[in-house]
Protein backbone atom coordinates (compact mmCIF):
# COMPACT_ATOMS: atom_id res chain seq x y z
CA MET A 1 95.03 114.67 132.97
CA ALA A 2 92.82 112.20 131.13
CA ARG A 3 90.56 113.58 128.44
CA ARG A 4 86.81 113.19 128.61
CA GLY A 5 85.84 109.69 127.50
CA GLN A 6 89.31 108.28 128.22
CA PRO A 7 90.40 106.62 131.48
CA ALA A 8 93.45 108.10 133.22
CA GLY A 9 96.81 106.77 132.10
CA GLN A 10 95.58 105.24 128.86
CA GLN A 11 96.46 106.62 125.43
CA SER A 12 94.75 103.97 123.33
CA ARG A 13 92.53 100.94 123.61
CA ARG A 14 93.75 97.40 123.23
CA TYR A 15 93.13 97.15 119.48
CA PHE A 16 93.46 100.80 118.44
CA ASP A 17 96.95 102.09 117.67
CA PRO A 18 97.03 105.88 117.05
CA GLU A 19 100.35 105.70 115.21
CA PHE A 20 99.08 103.00 112.87
CA ALA A 21 95.79 104.86 112.36
CA ALA A 22 97.60 108.09 111.46
CA GLY A 23 98.77 106.57 108.20
CA LEU A 24 95.30 105.49 107.09
CA LEU A 25 93.31 107.63 104.66
CA LEU A 26 89.79 107.37 103.28
CA ARG A 27 89.41 106.41 99.63
CA ARG A 28 86.90 107.66 97.10
CA TRP A 29 83.53 106.01 97.65
CA GLN A 30 82.17 103.81 94.88
CA ALA A 31 78.49 104.11 93.94
CA PRO A 32 76.58 101.22 95.57
CA ARG A 33 75.10 98.55 93.32
CA PRO A 34 73.38 95.34 94.48
CA GLY A 35 75.75 92.39 94.19
CA LEU A 36 78.82 94.58 93.73
CA PHE A 37 81.63 94.20 96.24
CA SER A 38 83.71 97.37 96.36
CA ALA A 39 87.20 97.11 97.85
CA ARG A 40 87.27 100.90 98.26
CA ASN A 41 83.99 100.96 100.16
CA ALA A 42 85.13 97.99 102.23
CA TRP A 43 88.33 99.88 103.08
CA ASN A 44 86.42 102.98 104.20
CA LEU A 45 84.07 100.93 106.34
CA MET A 46 86.90 98.91 107.87
CA LEU A 47 88.49 102.20 108.93
CA ALA A 48 85.21 103.15 110.64
CA SER A 49 85.17 99.73 112.32
CA TYR A 50 88.76 100.24 113.46
CA VAL A 51 88.02 103.70 114.87
CA ALA A 52 85.18 102.17 116.90
CA TYR A 53 87.85 100.56 119.10
CA ALA A 54 89.18 103.97 120.17
CA PHE A 55 88.05 106.07 123.11
CA ARG A 56 85.34 108.52 122.16
CA ASP A 57 87.50 111.67 122.03
CA THR A 58 90.18 109.92 119.99
CA ALA A 59 87.54 108.45 117.70
CA THR A 60 85.96 111.85 117.12
CA ARG A 61 89.29 113.32 116.04
CA GLU A 62 89.97 110.37 113.76
CA LEU A 63 86.52 110.54 112.15
CA LYS A 64 87.09 114.22 111.42
CA ARG A 65 90.57 113.58 110.04
CA LEU A 66 89.26 110.84 107.77
CA GLY A 67 86.42 113.01 106.51
CA LEU A 68 83.68 110.69 107.80
CA LEU A 69 82.57 113.44 110.18
CA GLY A 70 81.87 116.75 108.48
CA PRO A 71 80.19 120.10 109.22
CA ARG A 72 77.07 119.09 107.29
CA GLY A 73 76.71 115.92 109.31
CA GLY A 74 77.35 114.99 112.91
CA LEU A 75 78.15 112.23 115.37
CA VAL A 76 75.93 110.27 117.75
CA TRP A 77 77.95 108.04 120.08
CA SER A 78 76.36 105.42 122.33
CA GLU A 79 78.43 103.54 124.92
CA ARG A 80 77.71 101.49 128.00
CA LYS A 81 80.23 99.28 129.78
CA ASN A 82 82.50 98.16 126.93
CA ASP A 83 79.82 98.11 124.24
CA ALA A 84 79.90 101.07 121.88
CA ALA A 85 78.45 102.06 118.53
CA PHE A 86 78.09 105.31 116.64
CA VAL A 87 76.38 107.03 113.76
CA VAL A 88 78.66 109.43 111.89
CA SER A 89 77.84 111.57 108.86
CA ASN A 90 79.56 114.07 106.61
CA GLY A 91 76.25 115.02 105.05
CA ARG A 92 76.60 112.72 102.04
CA HIS A 93 77.60 109.40 103.61
CA ALA A 94 76.38 108.18 106.99
CA VAL A 95 78.02 105.19 108.66
CA ILE A 96 76.75 103.16 111.58
CA ALA A 97 79.60 101.21 113.18
CA ALA A 98 79.86 99.04 116.28
CA ARG A 99 82.86 98.13 118.42
CA GLY A 100 84.03 94.53 118.48
CA SER A 101 85.45 92.46 121.31
CA ASP A 102 88.55 93.88 123.00
CA GLU A 103 88.12 92.77 126.61
CA LEU A 104 88.13 89.27 128.11
CA ARG A 105 84.53 89.65 129.27
CA ASP A 106 83.51 90.40 125.67
CA TRP A 107 84.97 87.11 124.50
CA LEU A 108 83.20 85.27 127.29
CA ASP A 109 79.92 86.97 126.27
CA ASN A 110 80.57 85.83 122.70
CA LEU A 111 80.36 82.23 123.88
CA ASN A 112 76.73 82.84 124.84
CA VAL A 113 75.61 81.26 121.60
CA GLY A 114 71.96 80.67 122.49
CA LEU A 115 69.52 82.04 119.90
CA ASP A 116 67.04 84.77 120.92
CA GLU A 117 64.15 86.26 118.94
CA ASP A 118 64.81 89.59 117.22
CA ALA A 119 63.81 91.34 114.00
CA MET A 120 63.51 88.84 111.14
CA GLY A 121 64.35 85.73 113.20
CA MET A 122 66.56 84.21 115.87
CA VAL A 123 69.97 85.79 116.52
CA HIS A 124 73.08 85.21 118.64
CA GLY A 125 72.01 85.82 122.24
CA GLY A 126 75.20 87.54 123.38
CA THR A 127 74.96 89.98 120.48
CA ARG A 128 71.39 90.87 121.27
CA GLU A 129 72.35 91.62 124.88
CA ALA A 130 75.27 93.83 123.78
CA LEU A 131 73.12 95.75 121.30
CA ALA A 132 70.44 96.35 123.93
CA ARG A 133 72.93 98.45 125.87
CA VAL A 134 73.48 100.96 123.03
CA TRP A 135 70.40 100.71 120.82
CA ASP A 136 68.09 103.42 122.16
CA GLU A 137 70.37 106.34 121.30
CA LEU A 138 71.20 104.89 117.90
CA ALA A 139 67.55 104.31 117.04
CA GLY A 140 66.58 107.84 118.16
CA PRO A 141 68.94 110.73 117.40
CA GLY A 142 71.32 108.40 115.55
CA LEU A 143 68.72 107.31 113.01
CA GLU A 144 67.52 110.91 112.64
CA LEU A 145 71.07 111.90 111.67
CA ALA A 146 71.49 108.93 109.33
CA ARG A 147 68.28 109.66 107.41
CA LYS A 148 69.60 113.09 106.39
CA ALA A 149 72.51 111.62 104.42
CA ARG A 150 72.29 110.43 100.83
CA HIS A 151 73.93 107.07 101.56
CA LEU A 152 73.75 104.86 104.64
CA TRP A 153 76.26 102.12 105.43
CA LEU A 154 76.54 99.69 108.35
CA THR A 155 79.71 98.00 109.49
CA GLY A 156 81.63 96.37 112.30
CA HIS A 157 84.43 93.95 113.10
CA SER A 158 84.08 90.78 115.19
CA ARG A 159 81.22 91.24 117.67
CA GLY A 160 80.71 94.67 116.12
CA ALA A 161 79.93 92.85 112.86
CA LEU A 162 77.23 90.84 114.61
CA MET A 163 75.77 93.99 116.16
CA ALA A 164 75.79 95.77 112.79
CA THR A 165 73.98 92.83 111.18
CA VAL A 166 71.19 92.87 113.76
CA MET A 167 70.95 96.67 113.44
CA ALA A 168 70.61 96.29 109.67
CA ALA A 169 67.71 93.89 110.16
CA ARG A 170 65.97 96.24 112.59
CA LEU A 171 66.41 99.26 110.31
CA ALA A 172 65.33 97.37 107.20
CA ARG A 173 62.20 96.26 109.06
CA ARG A 174 61.49 99.98 109.66
CA GLY A 175 61.83 100.68 105.95
CA VAL A 176 65.21 102.43 106.18
CA ARG A 177 67.18 102.30 102.93
CA ILE A 178 70.63 100.75 103.47
CA ASP A 179 73.24 101.03 100.73
CA GLY A 180 75.48 98.34 102.13
CA LEU A 181 76.33 96.19 105.13
CA TYR A 182 80.02 95.29 105.21
CA THR A 183 81.14 93.01 108.04
CA PHE A 184 84.68 91.99 108.96
CA GLY A 185 85.55 88.78 110.80
CA SER A 186 81.91 88.14 111.57
CA PRO A 187 80.99 84.94 113.40
CA ARG A 188 77.75 83.19 112.46
CA ILE A 189 74.84 85.42 113.43
CA GLY A 190 71.47 83.67 113.48
CA ASP A 191 69.19 80.95 112.24
CA ALA A 192 68.25 80.21 108.63
CA ASP A 193 65.05 82.30 108.78
CA PHE A 194 66.90 85.37 109.99
CA CYS A 195 69.56 85.15 107.29
CA SER A 196 67.01 84.42 104.57
CA HIS A 197 64.82 87.39 105.51
CA LEU A 198 67.82 89.71 105.81
CA HIS A 199 69.18 88.66 102.41
CA ALA A 200 65.77 89.31 100.86
CA ALA A 201 65.54 92.75 102.48
CA LEU A 202 69.05 93.91 101.52
CA ASP A 203 69.21 92.02 98.20
CA GLY A 204 72.90 91.69 97.37
CA ARG A 205 74.04 94.50 99.64
CA ILE A 206 75.58 92.35 102.40
CA HIS A 207 79.29 91.65 102.09
CA ARG A 208 81.10 89.45 104.62
CA VAL A 209 84.85 89.96 104.60
CA LYS A 210 86.99 87.24 106.16
CA THR A 211 90.75 86.89 106.46
CA SER A 212 91.99 83.46 105.45
CA GLY A 213 92.53 81.38 108.59
CA ASP A 214 90.36 83.50 110.88
CA TRP A 215 88.92 80.96 113.30
CA MET A 216 86.51 83.34 114.99
CA ALA A 217 84.77 83.98 111.69
CA GLU A 218 83.71 80.31 111.69
CA MET A 219 82.22 80.31 115.18
CA PRO A 220 79.95 78.95 116.46
CA PRO A 221 80.43 75.74 114.44
CA ASN A 222 77.50 74.50 112.36
CA PRO A 223 76.85 71.70 113.17
CA PRO A 224 76.21 71.27 116.05
CA TYR A 225 74.77 74.81 116.31
CA ALA A 226 72.09 76.19 113.99
CA HIS A 227 73.80 79.56 113.39
CA GLU A 228 74.43 80.67 109.81
CA HIS A 229 76.40 83.44 108.14
CA ALA A 230 74.82 86.50 106.54
CA GLY A 231 76.26 87.98 103.39
CA ARG A 232 78.34 87.16 100.35
CA LEU A 233 81.88 86.12 101.27
CA CYS A 234 85.04 87.95 100.25
CA GLU A 235 88.09 86.14 101.61
CA LEU A 236 91.32 88.05 102.09
CA ALA A 237 94.75 86.49 101.77
CA ASN A 238 97.17 87.24 104.58
CA GLY A 239 100.82 86.43 104.99
CA ARG A 240 100.58 85.49 108.65
CA ASP A 241 100.99 81.73 108.96
CA VAL A 242 98.56 80.46 111.58
CA PRO A 243 97.92 76.71 111.85
CA ASP A 244 94.39 75.94 110.66
CA THR A 245 93.80 72.41 111.88
CA GLY A 246 90.96 70.51 113.46
CA THR A 247 87.23 70.44 112.98
CA PRO A 248 85.10 73.52 113.78
CA SER A 249 83.94 71.88 117.02
CA GLN A 250 87.55 71.15 118.01
CA ARG A 251 88.45 74.78 117.32
CA GLU A 252 85.57 75.97 119.51
CA SER A 253 86.82 73.78 122.35
CA ARG A 254 90.33 75.16 121.89
CA LEU A 255 89.01 78.76 121.99
CA ARG A 256 87.14 78.09 125.23
CA GLN A 257 90.22 76.47 126.76
CA LEU A 258 92.49 79.39 125.85
CA LEU A 259 89.99 81.91 127.21
CA GLN A 260 90.19 80.16 130.55
CA GLU A 261 93.99 79.86 130.46
CA SER A 262 95.39 83.08 129.04
CA TYR A 263 93.85 85.88 127.01
CA SER A 264 97.30 86.99 125.82
CA ARG A 265 97.98 83.52 124.40
CA LEU A 266 94.64 83.60 122.62
CA ARG A 267 95.35 87.00 121.10
CA GLU A 268 98.92 86.27 120.05
CA GLY A 269 98.19 82.77 118.80
CA ILE A 270 95.16 81.56 116.92
CA LEU A 271 93.39 84.95 116.89
CA SER A 272 96.18 86.89 115.17
CA ARG A 273 94.30 86.77 111.86
CA HIS A 274 91.14 87.98 113.56
CA MET A 275 92.67 91.22 114.79
CA PRO A 276 91.31 94.40 113.12
CA ARG A 277 94.77 95.39 111.94
CA SER A 278 94.99 92.13 110.00
CA TYR A 279 91.84 93.12 108.12
CA VAL A 280 93.19 96.59 107.34
CA GLU A 281 96.37 95.04 105.95
CA GLY A 282 94.44 92.44 103.95
CA LEU A 283 92.23 95.07 102.33
CA GLU A 284 95.26 97.21 101.53
CA THR A 285 96.75 94.25 99.66
CA LEU A 286 93.47 93.66 97.83
CA ILE A 287 93.31 97.28 96.66
CA ARG A 288 96.94 97.22 95.52
CA ARG A 289 96.08 94.26 93.31
CA GLY A 290 93.43 96.42 91.66
CA ARG A 291 90.31 94.56 92.71
């Protein structure tokens, strides 16, 4: 029988592997300082981003196992269609994480690159639509839970990174103190005004992690689009050899073509470096090197 929050016959989601996750452990948090990139904090937040791909019941168990969910904290989970985000707290650290793209329709939504007005400026239209489906619960009981913790972090991978960035802007506009926004494989999020205002509000606390050769992290191409990145870049080396040829506009055309032809080819080919597991492995290498 399927567990609550998990469709019958499915043990894991497309990008969440329980066996792989079982070997992952939280690391000691590093005290946040503006301008300081912490590999340990990035690791912890990437694990939260990875867990966001799981079904709710599986995610709850994983958050408890990792120590992100504790008896002095709680969990607020918001999900509609395939869009999901959560606020989790152990009483000391609260994390807001959003799920990235793991269905074909998500990738098609990602190509809705029109800019729409949101807090602090114009943002990626597809992201704003996705966030609208989960925002109310996060902004109500989720924010109430987050405010009780000493530290608040926001994170996400892929489209989840875009959602986390817009959430950070909305919360900062409300005067909520954010210790760090760490994004993984984030495409370009919004116009120059949005990024400028967000950088001013979070002042050195936005860190954009990108695996070398990750095409999706350079979408949509600028030019011709007006989208810009938010955050200071940390680029991870990765041993997977993926051809990185063509201009950004040519890559965008190739992505659109593959989405129409075969999602499996897209995933196994040019998006291999964009997969969440690739980011986990890249951060593990970075930590081993003592950064």
